[in-house]
Amino acid sequence: MTTIPGYALRRNGSCLSTENDCGPTTSPFHACCPGNMFCPGPQHNVICCESNADCNQKIDDNCADLTTNLYSTSSNLTADAFCCAQDKHGFSFKGGGAGCADQLSDLIIGQVELRVLSSAEVTPTPSSRHLSSTTVPTPTTSTIPSSRPSPTSVSEPTSASSTNVGAIAGGVVGGVVGVAIVAALFWLLLRQRRKLTSADNSSIGHSQFGSPSQSVFSSRFSKNDHQEHPQELGTRETQLAELSGGPST
């Protein structure tokens, strides 16, 4: 906790064990200074100094604890300024006095919410400037470029390799399926052609060798017919008898 001369913090009830309790203010609040600082003399508005001497001239509208927020019930900060923790809300009583509320919903009739005059986040102090100067040259500037190329150099080949593997696998599967289809078609065509060839051979053999009785019968009939034709002229003895009958009359 960074401390400088400034206005005291108000707590409901009592101060922390690490703080210097400077006494009650508006009931039930107490003025609390950092443990390494003092509350010089009786005063209407408590300030925290590095010693028991009055340091009001050294205070530059800030809280003694730089992690707290500054409020005031009037434009006269020297008389009416006080501080609340960052998770508290400063308010004033219409009849006079001020305090710090845990929630805005805790405020009741007769209490007025106050605006923050100086926040711990924007308080310009040498310590905060020193911290900001030390955080600028931190390794964040070197880690940002080093972290950016690493995912790109790894992710791009990975996506490309995965795409190539998928394309190769798809091509192989497609080729195998295509070859199987062509082989099946070729087998069906060959089988159909064999059936047609077998049918043609059976029909030719039936026409050449079928009905043998008809061919033999026709050949025999022609032979018998050829042998029986000369018998119609009669025998030689009959012919001679017919010729010799003329002179006997």
C-alpha atoms as a PDB file:
ATOM      1  CA  MET A   1       0.000   0.000   0.000  1.00  0.00           C
ATOM      2  CA  THR A   2       1.448   3.348  -1.079  1.00  0.00           C
ATOM      3  CA  THR A   3       0.885   6.236   1.335  1.00  0.00           C
ATOM      4  CA  ILE A   4       1.484   9.967   1.181  1.00  0.00           C
ATOM      5  CA  PRO A   5       0.134  12.889   3.241  1.00  0.00           C
ATOM      6  CA  GLY A   6      -3.596  13.094   2.562  1.00  0.00           C
ATOM      7  CA  TYR A   7      -7.122  12.757   3.855  1.00  0.00           C
ATOM      8  CA  ALA A   8      -8.105   9.958   6.212  1.00  0.00           C
ATOM      9  CA  LEU A   9     -10.275   6.968   5.356  1.00  0.00           C
ATOM     10  CA  ARG A  10     -13.651   6.539   7.054  1.00  0.00           C
ATOM     11  CA  ARG A  11     -14.723   3.130   8.243  1.00  0.00           C
ATOM     12  CA  ASN A  12     -17.983   2.029   9.824  1.00  0.00           C
ATOM     13  CA  GLY A  13     -17.302   1.017  13.420  1.00  0.00           C
ATOM     14  CA  SER A  14     -13.552   0.727  13.868  1.00  0.00           C
ATOM     15  CA  CYS A  15     -10.295   0.784  11.910  1.00  0.00           C
ATOM     16  CA  LEU A  16      -8.270  -2.242  10.858  1.00  0.00           C
ATOM     17  CA  SER A  17      -5.469  -3.536  13.055  1.00  0.00           C
ATOM     18  CA  THR A  18      -2.935  -2.357  10.468  1.00  0.00           C
ATOM     19  CA  GLU A  19      -4.324   1.198  10.558  1.00  0.00           C
ATOM     20  CA  ASN A  20      -4.013   4.103  12.995  1.00  0.00           C
ATOM     21  CA  ASP A  21      -7.419   4.958  14.509  1.00  0.00           C
ATOM     22  CA  CYS A  22      -7.723   8.743  14.660  1.00  0.00           C
ATOM     23  CA  GLY A  23     -11.053   8.704  16.505  1.00  0.00           C
ATOM     24  CA  PRO A  24     -14.734   8.983  15.658  1.00  0.00           C
ATOM     25  CA  THR A  25     -16.213  11.374  13.090  1.00  0.00           C
ATOM     26  CA  THR A  26     -19.892  11.256  12.103  1.00  0.00           C
ATOM     27  CA  SER A  27     -21.316   8.388  14.118  1.00  0.00           C
ATOM     28  CA  PRO A  28     -20.747   5.465  13.718  1.00  0.00           C
ATOM     29  CA  PHE A  29     -17.724   6.194  11.492  1.00  0.00           C
ATOM     30  CA  HIS A  30     -14.073   6.481  12.514  1.00  0.00           C
ATOM     31  CA  ALA A  31     -11.173   8.258  10.773  1.00  0.00           C
ATOM     32  CA  CYS A  32      -8.406   5.795   9.882  1.00  0.00           C
ATOM     33  CA  CYS A  33      -4.876   6.590   8.693  1.00  0.00           C
ATOM     34  CA  PRO A  34      -2.283   4.109   7.379  1.00  0.00           C
ATOM     35  CA  GLY A  35      -0.312   2.471  10.176  1.00  0.00           C
ATOM     36  CA  ASN A  36       2.874   4.381   9.341  1.00  0.00           C
ATOM     37  CA  MET A  37       1.181   7.809   9.492  1.00  0.00           C
ATOM     38  CA  PHE A  38      -0.100  10.124  12.234  1.00  0.00           C
ATOM     39  CA  CYS A  39      -3.230  12.153  13.012  1.00  0.00           C
ATOM     40  CA  PRO A  40      -1.853  15.590  14.075  1.00  0.00           C
ATOM     41  CA  GLY A  41      -3.852  17.456  16.765  1.00  0.00           C
ATOM     42  CA  PRO A  42      -7.586  17.880  17.133  1.00  0.00           C
ATOM     43  CA  GLN A  43      -9.192  18.779  13.799  1.00  0.00           C
ATOM     44  CA  HIS A  44     -12.636  18.972  12.260  1.00  0.00           C
ATOM     45  CA  ASN A  45     -11.572  16.957   9.221  1.00  0.00           C
ATOM     46  CA  VAL A  46      -8.939  14.333   9.850  1.00  0.00           C
ATOM     47  CA  ILE A  47      -5.770  14.327   7.749  1.00  0.00           C
ATOM     48  CA  CYS A  48      -2.874  11.873   7.833  1.00  0.00           C
ATOM     49  CA  CYS A  49       0.694  13.137   8.051  1.00  0.00           C
ATOM     50  CA  GLU A  50       4.141  11.586   8.211  1.00  0.00           C
ATOM     51  CA  SER A  51       4.569  13.068  11.729  1.00  0.00           C
ATOM     52  CA  ASN A  52       2.514  14.818  14.394  1.00  0.00           C
ATOM     53  CA  ALA A  53       3.177  18.127  12.655  1.00  0.00           C
ATOM     54  CA  ASP A  54       0.388  19.654  10.556  1.00  0.00           C
ATOM     55  CA  CYS A  55       0.916  18.691   6.893  1.00  0.00           C
ATOM     56  CA  ASN A  56      -2.192  20.342   5.453  1.00  0.00           C
ATOM     57  CA  GLN A  57      -0.106  22.463   3.099  1.00  0.00           C
ATOM     58  CA  LYS A  58       1.476  19.353   1.600  1.00  0.00           C
ATOM     59  CA  ILE A  59      -1.822  17.658   0.719  1.00  0.00           C
ATOM     60  CA  ASP A  60      -2.691  17.907  -2.988  1.00  0.00           C
ATOM     61  CA  ASP A  61      -6.382  16.887  -2.923  1.00  0.00           C
ATOM     62  CA  ASN A  62      -5.674  13.210  -2.419  1.00  0.00           C
ATOM     63  CA  CYS A  63      -6.200  10.416   0.075  1.00  0.00           C
ATOM     64  CA  ALA A  64      -3.417   9.241   2.345  1.00  0.00           C
ATOM     65  CA  ASP A  65      -4.092   5.683   1.132  1.00  0.00           C
ATOM     66  CA  LEU A  66      -3.768   5.868  -2.665  1.00  0.00           C
ATOM     67  CA  THR A  67      -5.963   2.789  -3.092  1.00  0.00           C
ATOM     68  CA  THR A  68      -9.059   4.704  -1.868  1.00  0.00           C
ATOM     69  CA  ASN A  69     -11.425   7.268  -3.452  1.00  0.00           C
ATOM     70  CA  LEU A  70     -11.745  10.912  -2.452  1.00  0.00           C
ATOM     71  CA  TYR A  71     -15.119  12.588  -1.653  1.00  0.00           C
ATOM     72  CA  SER A  72     -16.178  15.937  -0.229  1.00  0.00           C
ATOM     73  CA  THR A  73     -19.428  17.388   1.089  1.00  0.00           C
ATOM     74  CA  SER A  74     -18.530  20.852  -0.250  1.00  0.00           C
ATOM     75  CA  SER A  75     -16.082  22.643  -2.484  1.00  0.00           C
ATOM     76  CA  ASN A  76     -13.863  23.282   0.530  1.00  0.00           C
ATOM     77  CA  LEU A  77     -11.844  20.067   0.562  1.00  0.00           C
ATOM     78  CA  THR A  78      -9.670  21.211   3.446  1.00  0.00           C
ATOM     79  CA  ALA A  79     -12.714  21.294   5.678  1.00  0.00           C
ATOM     80  CA  ASP A  80     -15.005  18.632   4.235  1.00  0.00           C
ATOM     81  CA  ALA A  81     -12.950  16.038   2.269  1.00  0.00           C
ATOM     82  CA  PHE A  82     -12.792  12.380   3.306  1.00  0.00           C
ATOM     83  CA  CYS A  83     -11.998   9.012   1.717  1.00  0.00           C
ATOM     84  CA  CYS A  84     -13.823   5.690   1.211  1.00  0.00           C
ATOM     85  CA  ALA A  85     -12.591   2.285   0.125  1.00  0.00           C
ATOM     86  CA  GLN A  86     -13.023   1.520  -3.584  1.00  0.00           C
ATOM     87  CA  ASP A  87     -15.894  -0.908  -2.919  1.00  0.00           C
ATOM     88  CA  LYS A  88     -17.777   1.684  -0.825  1.00  0.00           C
ATOM     89  CA  HIS A  89     -19.963   4.677  -1.747  1.00  0.00           C
ATOM     90  CA  GLY A  90     -19.481   8.109  -0.185  1.00  0.00           C
ATOM     91  CA  PHE A  91     -22.570   9.973   1.028  1.00  0.00           C
ATOM     92  CA  SER A  92     -23.515  12.930   3.191  1.00  0.00           C
ATOM     93  CA  PHE A  93     -26.267  13.688   5.688  1.00  0.00           C
ATOM     94  CA  LYS A  94     -28.523  16.637   4.968  1.00  0.00           C
ATOM     95  CA  GLY A  95     -28.057  17.778   8.532  1.00  0.00           C
ATOM     96  CA  GLY A  96     -24.248  17.587   8.235  1.00  0.00           C
ATOM     97  CA  GLY A  97     -21.616  14.874   8.346  1.00  0.00           C
ATOM     98  CA  ALA A  98     -20.581  12.129   5.914  1.00  0.00           C
ATOM     99  CA  GLY A  99     -19.814   8.440   5.726  1.00  0.00           C
ATOM    100  CA  CYS A 100     -19.236   5.417   3.467  1.00  0.00           C
ATOM    101  CA  ALA A 101     -22.012   2.948   2.537  1.00  0.00           C
ATOM    102  CA  ASP A 102     -21.536  -0.653   1.439  1.00  0.00           C
ATOM    103  CA  GLN A 103     -24.323  -0.429  -1.180  1.00  0.00           C
ATOM    104  CA  LEU A 104     -26.243   2.461  -2.672  1.00  0.00           C
ATOM    105  CA  SER A 105     -29.405   0.628  -1.665  1.00  0.00           C
ATOM    106  CA  ASP A 106     -28.339   1.102   1.959  1.00  0.00           C
ATOM    107  CA  LEU A 107     -28.890   4.857   1.718  1.00  0.00           C
ATOM    108  CA  ILE A 108     -32.024   6.130   3.416  1.00  0.00           C
ATOM    109  CA  ILE A 109     -34.044   9.340   3.381  1.00  0.00           C
ATOM    110  CA  GLY A 110     -31.883  12.243   4.468  1.00  0.00           C
ATOM    111  CA  GLN A 111     -28.691  10.784   2.938  1.00  0.00           C
ATOM    112  CA  VAL A 112     -27.225  12.056  -0.364  1.00  0.00           C
ATOM    113  CA  GLU A 113     -24.879  10.122  -2.663  1.00  0.00           C
ATOM    114  CA  LEU A 114     -21.643  11.928  -3.463  1.00  0.00           C
ATOM    115  CA  ARG A 115     -19.531  11.755  -6.598  1.00  0.00           C
ATOM    116  CA  VAL A 116     -15.903  10.620  -6.638  1.00  0.00           C
ATOM    117  CA  LEU A 117     -13.513  13.568  -6.827  1.00  0.00           C
ATOM    118  CA  SER A 118     -10.331  11.560  -7.166  1.00  0.00           C
ATOM    119  CA  SER A 119     -10.133   7.873  -7.961  1.00  0.00           C
ATOM    120  CA  ALA A 120      -7.255   5.593  -7.083  1.00  0.00           C
ATOM    121  CA  GLU A 121      -7.105   4.432 -10.727  1.00  0.00           C
ATOM    122  CA  VAL A 122      -6.445   7.906 -12.117  1.00  0.00           C
ATOM    123  CA  THR A 123      -4.515   9.524  -9.266  1.00  0.00           C
ATOM    124  CA  PRO A 124      -1.294  10.913 -10.799  1.00  0.00           C
ATOM    125  CA  THR A 125       1.493  10.004  -8.396  1.00  0.00           C
ATOM    126  CA  PRO A 126       5.216   9.408  -8.910  1.00  0.00           C
ATOM    127  CA  SER A 127       4.823   5.808  -7.824  1.00  0.00           C
ATOM    128  CA  SER A 128       2.109   5.130 -10.395  1.00  0.00           C
ATOM    129  CA  ARG A 129       4.215   6.774 -13.087  1.00  0.00           C
ATOM    130  CA  HIS A 130       7.123   4.597 -12.110  1.00  0.00           C
ATOM    131  CA  LEU A 131       4.965   1.499 -12.340  1.00  0.00           C
ATOM    132  CA  SER A 132       3.695   2.493 -15.769  1.00  0.00           C
ATOM    133  CA  SER A 133       7.216   3.102 -17.013  1.00  0.00           C
ATOM    134  CA  THR A 134       8.366  -0.275 -15.786  1.00  0.00           C
ATOM    135  CA  THR A 135       5.436  -2.095 -17.371  1.00  0.00           C
ATOM    136  CA  VAL A 136       6.020  -0.597 -20.825  1.00  0.00           C
ATOM    137  CA  PRO A 137       9.298  -2.382 -21.616  1.00  0.00           C
ATOM    138  CA  THR A 138       8.050  -5.702 -20.284  1.00  0.00           C
ATOM    139  CA  PRO A 139       8.433  -8.835 -22.454  1.00  0.00           C
ATOM    140  CA  THR A 140       4.866  -8.390 -23.727  1.00  0.00           C
ATOM    141  CA  THR A 141       6.184  -6.667 -26.848  1.00  0.00           C
ATOM    142  CA  SER A 142       8.489  -9.583 -27.589  1.00  0.00           C
ATOM    143  CA  THR A 143       5.993 -12.296 -26.722  1.00  0.00           C
ATOM    144  CA  ILE A 144       3.264 -10.940 -29.005  1.00  0.00           C
ATOM    145  CA  PRO A 145       5.200 -11.424 -32.279  1.00  0.00           C
ATOM    146  CA  SER A 146       6.623 -14.714 -31.056  1.00  0.00           C
ATOM    147  CA  SER A 147       3.159 -16.065 -30.244  1.00  0.00           C
ATOM    148  CA  ARG A 148       1.582 -14.915 -33.502  1.00  0.00           C
ATOM    149  CA  PRO A 149       3.716 -16.815 -36.051  1.00  0.00           C
ATOM    150  CA  SER A 150       3.727 -20.026 -34.025  1.00  0.00           C
ATOM    151  CA  PRO A 151       0.038 -20.918 -34.533  1.00  0.00           C
ATOM    152  CA  THR A 152       0.087 -19.884 -38.182  1.00  0.00           C
ATOM    153  CA  SER A 153       3.178 -21.908 -39.004  1.00  0.00           C
ATOM    154  CA  VAL A 154       1.730 -24.975 -37.282  1.00  0.00           C
ATOM    155  CA  SER A 155      -1.916 -24.674 -38.251  1.00  0.00           C
ATOM    156  CA  GLU A 156      -1.449 -24.052 -41.985  1.00  0.00           C
ATOM    157  CA  PRO A 157       0.564 -27.226 -42.748  1.00  0.00           C
ATOM    158  CA  THR A 158      -1.748 -29.198 -40.507  1.00  0.00           C
ATOM    159  CA  SER A 159      -4.840 -28.084 -42.386  1.00  0.00           C
ATOM    160  CA  ALA A 160      -3.120 -28.614 -45.730  1.00  0.00           C
ATOM    161  CA  SER A 161      -1.872 -32.067 -44.788  1.00  0.00           C
ATOM    162  CA  SER A 162      -5.267 -33.068 -43.458  1.00  0.00           C
ATOM    163  CA  THR A 163      -6.867 -31.835 -46.684  1.00  0.00           C
ATOM    164  CA  ASN A 164      -4.351 -33.786 -48.807  1.00  0.00           C
ATOM    165  CA  VAL A 165      -4.894 -36.958 -46.783  1.00  0.00           C
ATOM    166  CA  GLY A 166      -8.649 -36.627 -47.132  1.00  0.00           C
ATOM    167  CA  ALA A 167      -8.378 -36.046 -50.872  1.00  0.00           C
ATOM    168  CA  ILE A 168      -6.034 -39.019 -51.339  1.00  0.00           C
ATOM    169  CA  ALA A 169      -8.262 -41.295 -49.270  1.00  0.00           C
ATOM    170  CA  GLY A 170     -11.314 -40.183 -51.231  1.00  0.00           C
ATOM    171  CA  GLY A 171      -9.533 -40.771 -54.539  1.00  0.00           C
ATOM    172  CA  VAL A 172      -8.405 -44.253 -53.522  1.00  0.00           C
ATOM    173  CA  VAL A 173     -11.870 -45.269 -52.365  1.00  0.00           C
ATOM    174  CA  GLY A 174     -13.436 -43.855 -55.513  1.00  0.00           C
ATOM    175  CA  GLY A 175     -10.935 -45.673 -57.705  1.00  0.00           C
ATOM    176  CA  VAL A 176     -11.551 -48.999 -55.974  1.00  0.00           C
ATOM    177  CA  VAL A 177     -15.303 -48.619 -56.311  1.00  0.00           C
ATOM    178  CA  GLY A 178     -14.966 -47.667 -59.976  1.00  0.00           C
ATOM    179  CA  VAL A 179     -12.785 -50.688 -60.736  1.00  0.00           C
ATOM    180  CA  ALA A 180     -15.244 -52.977 -58.959  1.00  0.00           C
ATOM    181  CA  ILE A 181     -18.163 -51.600 -60.986  1.00  0.00           C
ATOM    182  CA  VAL A 182     -16.291 -51.981 -64.294  1.00  0.00           C
ATOM    183  CA  ALA A 183     -15.283 -55.552 -63.405  1.00  0.00           C
ATOM    184  CA  ALA A 184     -18.866 -56.448 -62.531  1.00  0.00           C
ATOM    185  CA  LEU A 185     -20.176 -55.035 -65.824  1.00  0.00           C
ATOM    186  CA  PHE A 186     -17.488 -56.863 -67.788  1.00  0.00           C
ATOM    187  CA  TRP A 187     -18.344 -60.148 -66.054  1.00  0.00           C
ATOM    188  CA  LEU A 188     -22.059 -59.739 -66.806  1.00  0.00           C
ATOM    189  CA  LEU A 189     -21.392 -58.951 -70.485  1.00  0.00           C
ATOM    190  CA  LEU A 190     -19.054 -61.935 -70.820  1.00  0.00           C
ATOM    191  CA  ARG A 191     -21.596 -64.242 -69.211  1.00  0.00           C
ATOM    192  CA  GLN A 192     -24.373 -63.014 -71.525  1.00  0.00           C
ATOM    193  CA  ARG A 193     -22.155 -63.499 -74.542  1.00  0.00           C
ATOM    194  CA  ARG A 194     -21.370 -67.078 -73.511  1.00  0.00           C
ATOM    195  CA  LYS A 195     -25.068 -67.836 -73.183  1.00  0.00           C
ATOM    196  CA  LEU A 196     -25.763 -66.487 -76.669  1.00  0.00           C
ATOM    197  CA  THR A 197     -22.884 -68.487 -78.189  1.00  0.00           C
ATOM    198  CA  SER A 198     -24.075 -71.724 -76.555  1.00  0.00           C
ATOM    199  CA  ALA A 199     -27.617 -71.205 -77.862  1.00  0.00           C
ATOM    200  CA  ASP A 200     -26.402 -70.655 -81.442  1.00  0.00           C
ATOM    201  CA  ASN A 201     -24.264 -73.822 -81.399  1.00  0.00           C
ATOM    202  CA  SER A 202     -27.148 -75.978 -80.195  1.00  0.00           C
ATOM    203  CA  SER A 203     -29.480 -74.740 -82.954  1.00  0.00           C
ATOM    204  CA  ILE A 204     -26.881 -75.385 -85.671  1.00  0.00           C
ATOM    205  CA  GLY A 205     -26.208 -78.938 -84.476  1.00  0.00           C
ATOM    206  CA  HIS A 206     -29.934 -79.764 -84.448  1.00  0.00           C
ATOM    207  CA  SER A 207     -30.425 -78.633 -88.045  1.00  0.00           C
ATOM    208  CA  GLN A 208     -27.467 -80.653 -89.381  1.00  0.00           C
ATOM    209  CA  PHE A 209     -27.917 -83.897 -87.496  1.00  0.00           C
ATOM    210  CA  GLY A 210     -31.598 -83.870 -86.648  1.00  0.00           C
ATOM    211  CA  SER A 211     -34.268 -85.984 -88.555  1.00  0.00           C
ATOM    212  CA  PRO A 212     -31.863 -88.581 -89.959  1.00  0.00           C
ATOM    213  CA  SER A 213     -34.729 -90.822 -90.911  1.00  0.00           C
ATOM    214  CA  GLN A 214     -36.047 -88.326 -93.418  1.00  0.00           C
ATOM    215  CA  SER A 215     -32.734 -88.061 -95.293  1.00  0.00           C
ATOM    216  CA  VAL A 216     -32.219 -91.811 -95.353  1.00  0.00           C
ATOM    217  CA  PHE A 217     -35.781 -92.400 -96.424  1.00  0.00           C
ATOM    218  CA  SER A 218     -35.499 -89.936 -99.243  1.00  0.00           C
ATOM    219  CA  SER A 219     -32.265 -91.453-100.471  1.00  0.00           C
ATOM    220  CA  ARG A 220     -33.710 -94.949-100.367  1.00  0.00           C
ATOM    221  CA  PHE A 221     -36.830 -93.875-102.132  1.00  0.00           C
ATOM    222  CA  SER A 222     -34.850 -92.351-104.931  1.00  0.00           C
ATOM    223  CA  LYS A 223     -32.763 -95.483-105.322  1.00  0.00           C
ATOM    224  CA  ASN A 224     -35.780 -97.796-105.432  1.00  0.00           C
ATOM    225  CA  ASP A 225     -37.530 -95.607-107.901  1.00  0.00           C
ATOM    226  CA  HIS A 226     -34.491 -95.638-110.122  1.00  0.00           C
ATOM    227  CA  GLN A 227     -34.253 -99.438-110.071  1.00  0.00           C
ATOM    228  CA  GLU A 228     -37.923-100.068-110.789  1.00  0.00           C
ATOM    229  CA  HIS A 229     -38.217 -97.948-113.936  1.00  0.00           C
ATOM    230  CA  PRO A 230     -36.428-100.458-116.329  1.00  0.00           C
ATOM    231  CA  GLN A 231     -38.854-103.241-115.316  1.00  0.00           C
ATOM    232  CA  GLU A 232     -41.729-101.476-117.133  1.00  0.00           C
ATOM    233  CA  LEU A 233     -40.242-102.543-120.568  1.00  0.00           C
ATOM    234  CA  GLY A 234     -40.638-106.231-119.754  1.00  0.00           C
ATOM    235  CA  THR A 235     -38.191-109.129-120.100  1.00  0.00           C
ATOM    236  CA  ARG A 236     -36.205-109.970-123.152  1.00  0.00           C
ATOM    237  CA  GLU A 237     -38.176-113.099-123.854  1.00  0.00           C
ATOM    238  CA  THR A 238     -41.443-111.202-124.067  1.00  0.00           C
ATOM    239  CA  GLN A 239     -40.005-108.758-126.567  1.00  0.00           C
ATOM    240  CA  LEU A 240     -38.746-111.520-128.853  1.00  0.00           C
ATOM    241  CA  ALA A 241     -42.085-113.289-128.781  1.00  0.00           C
ATOM    242  CA  GLU A 242     -43.940-110.234-129.913  1.00  0.00           C
ATOM    243  CA  LEU A 243     -41.606-109.665-132.863  1.00  0.00           C
ATOM    244  CA  SER A 244     -41.736-113.222-134.142  1.00  0.00           C
ATOM    245  CA  GLY A 245     -45.537-113.409-134.405  1.00  0.00           C
ATOM    246  CA  GLY A 246     -45.795-111.510-137.703  1.00  0.00           C
ATOM    247  CA  PRO A 247     -44.409-113.986-140.361  1.00  0.00           C
ATOM    248  CA  SER A 248     -46.356-117.005-139.143  1.00  0.00           C
ATOM    249  CA  THR A 249     -49.604-115.719-140.768  1.00  0.00           C
END
